[in-house]
Amino acid sequence: MAERFPYGGQAVMEGVMMRGLHRASVAVRSPAGQIVIRDRELNLERRVFWSRLPLLRGIQLLGDALVIGMWALMFSASVTDDQAEQPLSKGQTALLVTTSVGISIALFFVLPLLVASGIANWANLGIYSRETIEGITRLLIFVGYLVLVGRTAEIRRVFGYHGAEHKAVSAYEAGCPLTVEHVRPFTTIHPRCGTTLLLIVVVLSIPVFALLGTFPFWLRLLSRIILVPFVAALAYELMRLTASKATNPIVRGLMTPALALQRLTTREPDDAMLEVAIAALARVLAADGQTVESQPIAVDIRPALTS
């Protein structure tokens, strides 16, 4: 391929999920200390088709990430609890994804609108002030949420695996061998992080929704629900552009707040976490025919699923 595929994934309970072109792999450290891996074969033709469509590819990627992410989380829960995996049906997956998206929209988009509208009505404020309050409220809720969830021991470990994911991907992109010794020195910050995407969504939603400031309340409320995928698609295209120009000083400066926010969602991983991230990344690279020098790690590979 002319352009290197943007490998990445997400942290799960005691593990890391990585997505490649042909496969998604989740590696989880079991209570016995063994690394357990489950692969999910991906529909290559469908992904390539959507990748050629600006804006629409962001919506498709978001849906793909939610479904695959839910699968990875459920698998990690079964491994860490040392229980038999309970595969979700398509209906159950759709219900969980819809519920998660609904709660997120209510918390980060509907609630700020209600708060800002209430304050504006009480203080008799104008449209500009109301929209400013809504934007500030949305940012505060988002950052406050990250701070609060990061205070629990379980989530701190997930954030450690998040840092391991970033280090492994950065090492691969730098052409380094995928060994703990070579991966360890890299930073836990990466320009294609989901935290960065979420912050861009939050910030970008401010001017987008401000354009609807003169609309009746019920239309503004409806817009906070139905326009979120559109805002997310715009945010994805912007992150994709900035990530490709990450070495540019101007772009780097503009991205500084988003990159700094990752310090709330990543922690410095230990070597055991790095091993898990390396194992997951090595699996997806192998499926894509990528030959890289990697550390031999003993793993238990479970039967693959087909997406």
C-alpha atoms as a PDB file:
ATOM      1  CA  MET A   1       0.000   0.000   0.000  1.00  0.00           C
ATOM      2  CA  ALA A   2       1.209   3.496  -0.810  1.00  0.00           C
ATOM      3  CA  GLU A   3       0.172   4.778   2.595  1.00  0.00           C
ATOM      4  CA  ARG A   4       0.976   2.923   5.800  1.00  0.00           C
ATOM      5  CA  PHE A   5      -2.154   1.574   7.429  1.00  0.00           C
ATOM      6  CA  PRO A   6      -3.011   3.484  10.646  1.00  0.00           C
ATOM      7  CA  TYR A   7      -2.815   0.704  13.216  1.00  0.00           C
ATOM      8  CA  GLY A   8      -4.422   1.341  16.566  1.00  0.00           C
ATOM      9  CA  GLY A   9      -6.989   0.058  18.989  1.00  0.00           C
ATOM     10  CA  GLN A  10      -8.130   0.486  22.552  1.00  0.00           C
ATOM     11  CA  ALA A  11      -7.381  -0.656  26.069  1.00  0.00           C
ATOM     12  CA  VAL A  12      -9.663  -3.163  27.766  1.00  0.00           C
ATOM     13  CA  MET A  13      -9.658  -4.823  31.161  1.00  0.00           C
ATOM     14  CA  GLU A  14      -6.148  -6.247  31.625  1.00  0.00           C
ATOM     15  CA  GLY A  15      -5.538  -6.085  27.909  1.00  0.00           C
ATOM     16  CA  VAL A  16      -5.306  -4.333  24.565  1.00  0.00           C
ATOM     17  CA  MET A  17      -7.296  -4.653  21.365  1.00  0.00           C
ATOM     18  CA  MET A  18      -5.569  -3.780  18.077  1.00  0.00           C
ATOM     19  CA  ARG A  19      -7.186  -3.307  14.661  1.00  0.00           C
ATOM     20  CA  GLY A  20      -5.420  -3.998  11.409  1.00  0.00           C
ATOM     21  CA  LEU A  21      -6.590  -4.155   7.828  1.00  0.00           C
ATOM     22  CA  HIS A  22      -7.671  -7.810   7.873  1.00  0.00           C
ATOM     23  CA  ARG A  23      -8.078  -8.565  11.558  1.00  0.00           C
ATOM     24  CA  ALA A  24      -8.787  -7.192  15.015  1.00  0.00           C
ATOM     25  CA  SER A  25      -7.030  -8.972  17.880  1.00  0.00           C
ATOM     26  CA  VAL A  26      -7.570  -8.574  21.598  1.00  0.00           C
ATOM     27  CA  ALA A  27      -4.889  -9.813  24.002  1.00  0.00           C
ATOM     28  CA  VAL A  28      -5.756 -10.150  27.697  1.00  0.00           C
ATOM     29  CA  ARG A  29      -3.661 -11.147  30.713  1.00  0.00           C
ATOM     30  CA  SER A  30      -5.491 -13.908  32.562  1.00  0.00           C
ATOM     31  CA  PRO A  31      -5.481 -14.213  36.390  1.00  0.00           C
ATOM     32  CA  ALA A  32      -2.947 -17.047  35.939  1.00  0.00           C
ATOM     33  CA  GLY A  33      -0.601 -14.651  34.120  1.00  0.00           C
ATOM     34  CA  GLN A  34      -1.026 -16.082  30.623  1.00  0.00           C
ATOM     35  CA  ILE A  35      -1.777 -13.882  27.597  1.00  0.00           C
ATOM     36  CA  VAL A  36      -5.018 -15.011  25.945  1.00  0.00           C
ATOM     37  CA  ILE A  37      -5.790 -13.820  22.409  1.00  0.00           C
ATOM     38  CA  ARG A  38      -8.989 -13.785  20.403  1.00  0.00           C
ATOM     39  CA  ASP A  39      -8.968 -12.731  16.729  1.00  0.00           C
ATOM     40  CA  ARG A  40     -11.838 -11.226  14.787  1.00  0.00           C
ATOM     41  CA  GLU A  41     -11.539 -11.430  11.014  1.00  0.00           C
ATOM     42  CA  LEU A  42     -12.708  -8.210   9.347  1.00  0.00           C
ATOM     43  CA  ASN A  43     -14.578  -7.572   6.102  1.00  0.00           C
ATOM     44  CA  LEU A  44     -11.747  -6.086   4.029  1.00  0.00           C
ATOM     45  CA  GLU A  45     -13.811  -5.118   0.985  1.00  0.00           C
ATOM     46  CA  ARG A  46     -16.318  -3.214   3.090  1.00  0.00           C
ATOM     47  CA  ARG A  47     -13.598  -1.332   4.993  1.00  0.00           C
ATOM     48  CA  VAL A  48     -11.728  -0.377   1.823  1.00  0.00           C
ATOM     49  CA  PHE A  49     -14.965   0.848   0.218  1.00  0.00           C
ATOM     50  CA  TRP A  50     -15.851   3.113   3.148  1.00  0.00           C
ATOM     51  CA  SER A  51     -12.274   4.380   3.527  1.00  0.00           C
ATOM     52  CA  ARG A  52     -12.603   6.111   0.140  1.00  0.00           C
ATOM     53  CA  LEU A  53     -15.602   8.200   1.227  1.00  0.00           C
ATOM     54  CA  PRO A  54     -14.719  11.356   3.212  1.00  0.00           C
ATOM     55  CA  LEU A  55     -17.092  12.120   6.113  1.00  0.00           C
ATOM     56  CA  LEU A  56     -19.012   8.863   5.634  1.00  0.00           C
ATOM     57  CA  ARG A  57     -15.886   6.883   6.526  1.00  0.00           C
ATOM     58  CA  GLY A  58     -15.793   8.640   9.893  1.00  0.00           C
ATOM     59  CA  ILE A  59     -19.347   7.533  10.679  1.00  0.00           C
ATOM     60  CA  GLN A  60     -18.596   3.986   9.534  1.00  0.00           C
ATOM     61  CA  LEU A  61     -15.374   3.909  11.547  1.00  0.00           C
ATOM     62  CA  LEU A  62     -17.211   5.074  14.653  1.00  0.00           C
ATOM     63  CA  GLY A  63     -19.807   2.336  14.301  1.00  0.00           C
ATOM     64  CA  ASP A  64     -17.101  -0.228  13.591  1.00  0.00           C
ATOM     65  CA  ALA A  65     -15.138   0.885  16.645  1.00  0.00           C
ATOM     66  CA  LEU A  66     -18.191   0.641  18.901  1.00  0.00           C
ATOM     67  CA  VAL A  67     -19.072  -2.888  17.790  1.00  0.00           C
ATOM     68  CA  ILE A  68     -15.503  -4.217  17.846  1.00  0.00           C
ATOM     69  CA  GLY A  69     -14.774  -2.373  21.073  1.00  0.00           C
ATOM     70  CA  MET A  70     -17.814  -3.920  22.772  1.00  0.00           C
ATOM     71  CA  TRP A  71     -16.705  -7.371  21.590  1.00  0.00           C
ATOM     72  CA  ALA A  72     -13.202  -6.790  22.962  1.00  0.00           C
ATOM     73  CA  LEU A  73     -14.521  -5.576  26.315  1.00  0.00           C
ATOM     74  CA  MET A  74     -16.808  -8.582  26.705  1.00  0.00           C
ATOM     75  CA  PHE A  75     -13.963 -10.974  25.893  1.00  0.00           C
ATOM     76  CA  SER A  76     -11.611  -9.271  28.346  1.00  0.00           C
ATOM     77  CA  ALA A  77     -14.270  -9.492  31.056  1.00  0.00           C
ATOM     78  CA  SER A  78     -14.643 -13.245  30.480  1.00  0.00           C
ATOM     79  CA  VAL A  79     -10.873 -13.780  30.718  1.00  0.00           C
ATOM     80  CA  THR A  80     -10.267 -11.609  33.780  1.00  0.00           C
ATOM     81  CA  ASP A  81     -13.254 -13.169  35.590  1.00  0.00           C
ATOM     82  CA  ASP A  82     -12.016 -16.638  34.534  1.00  0.00           C
ATOM     83  CA  GLN A  83     -15.433 -17.517  33.130  1.00  0.00           C
ATOM     84  CA  ALA A  84     -16.638 -19.012  29.865  1.00  0.00           C
ATOM     85  CA  GLU A  85     -17.157 -16.398  27.165  1.00  0.00           C
ATOM     86  CA  GLN A  86     -20.788 -15.540  26.451  1.00  0.00           C
ATOM     87  CA  PRO A  87     -20.921 -14.334  22.817  1.00  0.00           C
ATOM     88  CA  LEU A  88     -23.415 -11.551  22.174  1.00  0.00           C
ATOM     89  CA  SER A  89     -26.027 -11.865  19.471  1.00  0.00           C
ATOM     90  CA  LYS A  90     -26.371  -9.085  16.905  1.00  0.00           C
ATOM     91  CA  GLY A  91     -29.452  -7.863  18.748  1.00  0.00           C
ATOM     92  CA  GLN A  92     -27.662  -7.756  22.105  1.00  0.00           C
ATOM     93  CA  THR A  93     -24.686  -5.971  20.550  1.00  0.00           C
ATOM     94  CA  ALA A  94     -26.981  -3.421  18.905  1.00  0.00           C
ATOM     95  CA  LEU A  95     -28.774  -2.833  22.220  1.00  0.00           C
ATOM     96  CA  LEU A  96     -25.521  -2.333  24.150  1.00  0.00           C
ATOM     97  CA  VAL A  97     -24.065  -0.007  21.511  1.00  0.00           C
ATOM     98  CA  THR A  98     -27.301   2.003  21.280  1.00  0.00           C
ATOM     99  CA  THR A  99     -27.485   2.288  25.065  1.00  0.00           C
ATOM    100  CA  SER A 100     -23.848   3.414  25.322  1.00  0.00           C
ATOM    101  CA  VAL A 101     -24.266   6.005  22.575  1.00  0.00           C
ATOM    102  CA  GLY A 102     -27.531   7.231  24.101  1.00  0.00           C
ATOM    103  CA  ILE A 103     -25.980   7.731  27.539  1.00  0.00           C
ATOM    104  CA  SER A 104     -22.988   9.538  26.006  1.00  0.00           C
ATOM    105  CA  ILE A 105     -25.199  11.887  23.975  1.00  0.00           C
ATOM    106  CA  ALA A 106     -27.375  12.601  27.000  1.00  0.00           C
ATOM    107  CA  LEU A 107     -24.383  13.356  29.231  1.00  0.00           C
ATOM    108  CA  PHE A 108     -22.156  15.328  26.860  1.00  0.00           C
ATOM    109  CA  PHE A 109     -24.662  17.011  24.535  1.00  0.00           C
ATOM    110  CA  VAL A 110     -28.190  17.120  25.952  1.00  0.00           C
ATOM    111  CA  LEU A 111     -27.247  17.942  29.564  1.00  0.00           C
ATOM    112  CA  PRO A 112     -25.056  20.970  28.604  1.00  0.00           C
ATOM    113  CA  LEU A 113     -27.938  22.282  26.457  1.00  0.00           C
ATOM    114  CA  LEU A 114     -30.383  21.983  29.362  1.00  0.00           C
ATOM    115  CA  VAL A 115     -27.946  23.647  31.786  1.00  0.00           C
ATOM    116  CA  ALA A 116     -27.154  26.511  29.417  1.00  0.00           C
ATOM    117  CA  SER A 117     -30.806  27.088  28.499  1.00  0.00           C
ATOM    118  CA  GLY A 118     -31.811  27.115  32.158  1.00  0.00           C
ATOM    119  CA  ILE A 119     -29.100  29.621  33.095  1.00  0.00           C
ATOM    120  CA  ALA A 120     -29.875  31.797  30.060  1.00  0.00           C
ATOM    121  CA  ASN A 121     -33.590  31.911  30.887  1.00  0.00           C
ATOM    122  CA  TRP A 122     -32.929  32.652  34.552  1.00  0.00           C
ATOM    123  CA  ALA A 123     -30.390  35.428  33.859  1.00  0.00           C
ATOM    124  CA  ASN A 124     -32.114  36.704  30.695  1.00  0.00           C
ATOM    125  CA  LEU A 125     -28.976  36.142  28.600  1.00  0.00           C
ATOM    126  CA  GLY A 126     -28.652  36.433  24.839  1.00  0.00           C
ATOM    127  CA  ILE A 127     -28.004  33.705  22.289  1.00  0.00           C
ATOM    128  CA  TYR A 128     -24.225  34.239  22.186  1.00  0.00           C
ATOM    129  CA  SER A 129     -23.905  33.979  25.973  1.00  0.00           C
ATOM    130  CA  ARG A 130     -26.126  30.917  26.081  1.00  0.00           C
ATOM    131  CA  GLU A 131     -24.101  29.105  23.412  1.00  0.00           C
ATOM    132  CA  THR A 132     -20.858  30.024  25.206  1.00  0.00           C
ATOM    133  CA  ILE A 133     -22.163  28.613  28.477  1.00  0.00           C
ATOM    134  CA  GLU A 134     -23.224  25.410  26.720  1.00  0.00           C
ATOM    135  CA  GLY A 135     -19.783  24.965  25.174  1.00  0.00           C
ATOM    136  CA  ILE A 136     -17.974  25.595  28.457  1.00  0.00           C
ATOM    137  CA  THR A 137     -20.332  23.235  30.291  1.00  0.00           C
ATOM    138  CA  ARG A 138     -19.711  20.499  27.719  1.00  0.00           C
ATOM    139  CA  LEU A 139     -15.937  20.860  28.088  1.00  0.00           C
ATOM    140  CA  LEU A 140     -16.148  20.825  31.891  1.00  0.00           C
ATOM    141  CA  ILE A 141     -18.335  17.705  31.927  1.00  0.00           C
ATOM    142  CA  PHE A 142     -15.991  15.927  29.515  1.00  0.00           C
ATOM    143  CA  VAL A 143     -12.797  16.753  31.395  1.00  0.00           C
ATOM    144  CA  GLY A 144     -14.460  16.172  34.769  1.00  0.00           C
ATOM    145  CA  TYR A 145     -15.655  12.750  33.634  1.00  0.00           C
ATOM    146  CA  LEU A 146     -12.116  11.743  32.617  1.00  0.00           C
ATOM    147  CA  VAL A 147     -10.723  12.936  35.941  1.00  0.00           C
ATOM    148  CA  LEU A 148     -13.357  11.087  37.976  1.00  0.00           C
ATOM    149  CA  VAL A 149     -13.137   7.741  36.182  1.00  0.00           C
ATOM    150  CA  GLY A 150      -9.356   7.875  36.380  1.00  0.00           C
ATOM    151  CA  ARG A 151      -9.493   7.856  40.176  1.00  0.00           C
ATOM    152  CA  THR A 152     -10.509   4.189  40.407  1.00  0.00           C
ATOM    153  CA  ALA A 153      -7.809   1.505  40.597  1.00  0.00           C
ATOM    154  CA  GLU A 154      -9.396  -0.609  37.842  1.00  0.00           C
ATOM    155  CA  ILE A 155      -9.546   2.258  35.365  1.00  0.00           C
ATOM    156  CA  ARG A 156      -5.997   3.332  36.215  1.00  0.00           C
ATOM    157  CA  ARG A 157      -4.866  -0.105  35.079  1.00  0.00           C
ATOM    158  CA  VAL A 158      -6.912   0.246  31.889  1.00  0.00           C
ATOM    159  CA  PHE A 159      -5.175   3.578  31.330  1.00  0.00           C
ATOM    160  CA  GLY A 160      -1.843   1.781  31.779  1.00  0.00           C
ATOM    161  CA  TYR A 161      -2.790  -0.585  28.965  1.00  0.00           C
ATOM    162  CA  HIS A 162      -3.861   2.472  26.961  1.00  0.00           C
ATOM    163  CA  GLY A 163      -0.329   3.810  27.357  1.00  0.00           C
ATOM    164  CA  ALA A 164       1.069   0.419  26.316  1.00  0.00           C
ATOM    165  CA  GLU A 165      -1.068   0.481  23.169  1.00  0.00           C
ATOM    166  CA  HIS A 166       0.314   3.906  22.203  1.00  0.00           C
ATOM    167  CA  LYS A 167       3.904   2.892  22.872  1.00  0.00           C
ATOM    168  CA  ALA A 168       3.634  -0.279  20.776  1.00  0.00           C
ATOM    169  CA  VAL A 169       2.058   1.538  17.820  1.00  0.00           C
ATOM    170  CA  SER A 170       4.624   4.346  18.028  1.00  0.00           C
ATOM    171  CA  ALA A 171       7.486   1.844  18.080  1.00  0.00           C
ATOM    172  CA  TYR A 172       6.103   0.108  14.995  1.00  0.00           C
ATOM    173  CA  GLU A 173       5.655   3.416  13.161  1.00  0.00           C
ATOM    174  CA  ALA A 174       9.239   4.348  14.023  1.00  0.00           C
ATOM    175  CA  GLY A 175      10.486   1.073  12.526  1.00  0.00           C
ATOM    176  CA  CYS A 176      11.714  -0.336  15.839  1.00  0.00           C
ATOM    177  CA  PRO A 177      11.594  -4.006  16.813  1.00  0.00           C
ATOM    178  CA  LEU A 178       8.508  -4.895  18.831  1.00  0.00           C
ATOM    179  CA  THR A 179      10.287  -5.900  22.014  1.00  0.00           C
ATOM    180  CA  VAL A 180       9.710  -4.575  25.514  1.00  0.00           C
ATOM    181  CA  GLU A 181      13.170  -2.968  25.547  1.00  0.00           C
ATOM    182  CA  HIS A 182      12.532  -1.064  22.300  1.00  0.00           C
ATOM    183  CA  VAL A 183       8.893  -0.178  23.010  1.00  0.00           C
ATOM    184  CA  ARG A 184       9.384   1.039  26.587  1.00  0.00           C
ATOM    185  CA  PRO A 185      11.133   4.397  25.787  1.00  0.00           C
ATOM    186  CA  PHE A 186       8.298   5.706  23.598  1.00  0.00           C
ATOM    187  CA  THR A 187       5.769   8.210  24.891  1.00  0.00           C
ATOM    188  CA  THR A 188       2.267   7.269  25.985  1.00  0.00           C
ATOM    189  CA  ILE A 189       0.912  10.126  23.823  1.00  0.00           C
ATOM    190  CA  HIS A 190      -0.195   9.476  20.245  1.00  0.00           C
ATOM    191  CA  PRO A 191      -1.864  11.886  17.766  1.00  0.00           C
ATOM    192  CA  ARG A 192      -4.469   9.320  16.626  1.00  0.00           C
ATOM    193  CA  CYS A 193      -5.806   8.650  20.118  1.00  0.00           C
ATOM    194  CA  GLY A 194      -9.529   8.270  20.744  1.00  0.00           C
ATOM    195  CA  THR A 195      -9.247  10.822  23.553  1.00  0.00           C
ATOM    196  CA  THR A 196      -8.008  13.356  21.016  1.00  0.00           C
ATOM    197  CA  LEU A 197     -10.929  12.524  18.730  1.00  0.00           C
ATOM    198  CA  LEU A 198     -13.431  12.971  21.551  1.00  0.00           C
ATOM    199  CA  LEU A 199     -11.988  16.359  22.485  1.00  0.00           C
ATOM    200  CA  ILE A 200     -12.157  17.490  18.854  1.00  0.00           C
ATOM    201  CA  VAL A 201     -15.805  16.381  18.769  1.00  0.00           C
ATOM    202  CA  VAL A 202     -16.563  18.384  21.915  1.00  0.00           C
ATOM    203  CA  VAL A 203     -14.780  21.524  20.679  1.00  0.00           C
ATOM    204  CA  LEU A 204     -16.078  21.265  17.116  1.00  0.00           C
ATOM    205  CA  SER A 205     -19.649  20.891  18.346  1.00  0.00           C
ATOM    206  CA  ILE A 206     -19.522  24.399  19.821  1.00  0.00           C
ATOM    207  CA  PRO A 207     -19.451  26.344  16.510  1.00  0.00           C
ATOM    208  CA  VAL A 208     -21.620  23.749  14.731  1.00  0.00           C
ATOM    209  CA  PHE A 209     -24.436  23.983  17.279  1.00  0.00           C
ATOM    210  CA  ALA A 210     -23.985  27.756  17.632  1.00  0.00           C
ATOM    211  CA  LEU A 211     -25.147  28.067  14.011  1.00  0.00           C
ATOM    212  CA  LEU A 212     -28.505  26.749  15.210  1.00  0.00           C
ATOM    213  CA  GLY A 213     -28.730  29.175  18.126  1.00  0.00           C
ATOM    214  CA  THR A 214     -31.791  31.008  16.785  1.00  0.00           C
ATOM    215  CA  PHE A 215     -33.799  27.805  16.341  1.00  0.00           C
ATOM    216  CA  PRO A 216     -36.592  26.851  18.791  1.00  0.00           C
ATOM    217  CA  PHE A 217     -35.512  24.849  21.821  1.00  0.00           C
ATOM    218  CA  TRP A 218     -36.996  21.558  20.599  1.00  0.00           C
ATOM    219  CA  LEU A 219     -35.079  21.802  17.304  1.00  0.00           C
ATOM    220  CA  ARG A 220     -31.847  22.591  19.125  1.00  0.00           C
ATOM    221  CA  LEU A 221     -32.464  19.605  21.392  1.00  0.00           C
ATOM    222  CA  LEU A 222     -33.092  17.366  18.389  1.00  0.00           C
ATOM    223  CA  SER A 223     -29.903  18.632  16.724  1.00  0.00           C
ATOM    224  CA  ARG A 224     -27.820  17.534  19.732  1.00  0.00           C
ATOM    225  CA  ILE A 225     -29.002  13.996  19.033  1.00  0.00           C
ATOM    226  CA  ILE A 226     -29.085  13.596  15.267  1.00  0.00           C
ATOM    227  CA  LEU A 227     -26.075  15.758  14.367  1.00  0.00           C
ATOM    228  CA  VAL A 228     -23.563  14.023  16.664  1.00  0.00           C
ATOM    229  CA  PRO A 229     -22.521  11.499  13.959  1.00  0.00           C
ATOM    230  CA  PHE A 230     -21.971  14.378  11.522  1.00  0.00           C
ATOM    231  CA  VAL A 231     -19.814  16.260  14.054  1.00  0.00           C
ATOM    232  CA  ALA A 232     -17.889  13.048  14.784  1.00  0.00           C
ATOM    233  CA  ALA A 233     -17.285  12.554  11.051  1.00  0.00           C
ATOM    234  CA  LEU A 234     -15.910  16.101  10.736  1.00  0.00           C
ATOM    235  CA  ALA A 235     -13.744  15.529  13.811  1.00  0.00           C
ATOM    236  CA  TYR A 236     -12.351  12.319  12.339  1.00  0.00           C
ATOM    237  CA  GLU A 237     -11.363  14.052   9.106  1.00  0.00           C
ATOM    238  CA  LEU A 238      -9.704  16.838  11.100  1.00  0.00           C
ATOM    239  CA  MET A 239      -7.808  14.371  13.298  1.00  0.00           C
ATOM    240  CA  ARG A 240      -6.771  12.392  10.227  1.00  0.00           C
ATOM    241  CA  LEU A 241      -5.390  15.587   8.665  1.00  0.00           C
ATOM    242  CA  THR A 242      -3.572  16.785  11.784  1.00  0.00           C
ATOM    243  CA  ALA A 243      -2.126  13.320  12.506  1.00  0.00           C
ATOM    244  CA  SER A 244      -0.560  13.254   9.026  1.00  0.00           C
ATOM    245  CA  LYS A 245       1.009  16.678   9.749  1.00  0.00           C
ATOM    246  CA  ALA A 246       1.952  15.960  13.342  1.00  0.00           C
ATOM    247  CA  THR A 247       5.586  17.052  12.846  1.00  0.00           C
ATOM    248  CA  ASN A 248       4.534  20.501  11.599  1.00  0.00           C
ATOM    249  CA  PRO A 249       5.193  23.006  14.427  1.00  0.00           C
ATOM    250  CA  ILE A 250       1.962  24.936  13.782  1.00  0.00           C
ATOM    251  CA  VAL A 251      -0.173  21.805  13.730  1.00  0.00           C
ATOM    252  CA  ARG A 252       1.654  20.483  16.776  1.00  0.00           C
ATOM    253  CA  GLY A 253       0.887  23.714  18.604  1.00  0.00           C
ATOM    254  CA  LEU A 254      -2.800  23.556  17.710  1.00  0.00           C
ATOM    255  CA  MET A 255      -2.955  19.943  18.879  1.00  0.00           C
ATOM    256  CA  THR A 256      -1.166  20.587  22.185  1.00  0.00           C
ATOM    257  CA  PRO A 257      -4.373  20.742  24.311  1.00  0.00           C
ATOM    258  CA  ALA A 258      -5.671  17.489  22.802  1.00  0.00           C
ATOM    259  CA  LEU A 259      -2.336  15.740  23.270  1.00  0.00           C
ATOM    260  CA  ALA A 260      -2.049  17.047  26.835  1.00  0.00           C
ATOM    261  CA  LEU A 261      -5.512  15.676  27.636  1.00  0.00           C
ATOM    262  CA  GLN A 262      -4.212  12.186  26.933  1.00  0.00           C
ATOM    263  CA  ARG A 263      -2.274  12.414  30.179  1.00  0.00           C
ATOM    264  CA  LEU A 264      -5.628  11.905  31.886  1.00  0.00           C
ATOM    265  CA  THR A 265      -6.369   8.694  29.967  1.00  0.00           C
ATOM    266  CA  THR A 266      -2.929   7.078  29.798  1.00  0.00           C
ATOM    267  CA  ARG A 267      -0.537   5.866  32.470  1.00  0.00           C
ATOM    268  CA  GLU A 268       3.032   4.626  32.198  1.00  0.00           C
ATOM    269  CA  PRO A 269       2.656   0.863  31.640  1.00  0.00           C
ATOM    270  CA  ASP A 270       4.743  -1.848  33.241  1.00  0.00           C
ATOM    271  CA  ASP A 271       6.601  -4.433  31.166  1.00  0.00           C
ATOM    272  CA  ALA A 272       3.806  -7.001  31.532  1.00  0.00           C
ATOM    273  CA  MET A 273       1.364  -4.520  29.965  1.00  0.00           C
ATOM    274  CA  LEU A 274       3.808  -3.833  27.138  1.00  0.00           C
ATOM    275  CA  GLU A 275       3.997  -7.571  26.421  1.00  0.00           C
ATOM    276  CA  VAL A 276       0.215  -7.710  26.020  1.00  0.00           C
ATOM    277  CA  ALA A 277       0.159  -4.727  23.649  1.00  0.00           C
ATOM    278  CA  ILE A 278       3.017  -6.201  21.595  1.00  0.00           C
ATOM    279  CA  ALA A 279       1.221  -9.546  21.358  1.00  0.00           C
ATOM    280  CA  ALA A 280      -1.967  -7.893  20.048  1.00  0.00           C
ATOM    281  CA  LEU A 281      -0.141  -5.703  17.543  1.00  0.00           C
ATOM    282  CA  ALA A 282       2.023  -8.574  16.292  1.00  0.00           C
ATOM    283  CA  ARG A 283      -1.131 -10.599  15.535  1.00  0.00           C
ATOM    284  CA  VAL A 284      -2.719  -7.930  13.318  1.00  0.00           C
ATOM    285  CA  LEU A 285       0.581  -7.162  11.596  1.00  0.00           C
ATOM    286  CA  ALA A 286       1.039 -10.848  10.770  1.00  0.00           C
ATOM    287  CA  ALA A 287      -2.477 -10.996   9.299  1.00  0.00           C
ATOM    288  CA  ASP A 288      -1.590  -8.064   7.037  1.00  0.00           C
ATOM    289  CA  GLY A 289       1.622  -9.722   5.859  1.00  0.00           C
ATOM    290  CA  GLN A 290       3.829  -7.245   7.743  1.00  0.00           C
ATOM    291  CA  THR A 291       7.220  -8.688   8.632  1.00  0.00           C
ATOM    292  CA  VAL A 292       8.568  -7.081  11.793  1.00  0.00           C
ATOM    293  CA  GLU A 293      11.064  -8.164  14.396  1.00  0.00           C
ATOM    294  CA  SER A 294       9.050  -8.905  17.508  1.00  0.00           C
ATOM    295  CA  GLN A 295       9.546 -10.451  20.898  1.00  0.00           C
ATOM    296  CA  PRO A 296       8.479 -14.110  21.105  1.00  0.00           C
ATOM    297  CA  ILE A 297       5.666 -14.197  23.650  1.00  0.00           C
ATOM    298  CA  ALA A 298       3.814 -17.342  24.735  1.00  0.00           C
ATOM    299  CA  VAL A 299       0.090 -16.876  24.138  1.00  0.00           C
ATOM    300  CA  ASP A 300      -3.124 -18.894  24.239  1.00  0.00           C
ATOM    301  CA  ILE A 301      -4.927 -18.243  20.934  1.00  0.00           C
ATOM    302  CA  ARG A 302      -8.667 -18.867  21.005  1.00  0.00           C
ATOM    303  CA  PRO A 303     -10.705 -19.674  17.851  1.00  0.00           C
ATOM    304  CA  ALA A 304     -11.216 -16.628  15.629  1.00  0.00           C
ATOM    305  CA  LEU A 305     -14.532 -14.927  14.931  1.00  0.00           C
ATOM    306  CA  THR A 306     -15.682 -13.436  11.629  1.00  0.00           C
ATOM    307  CA  SER A 307     -16.966  -9.866  11.456  1.00  0.00           C
END
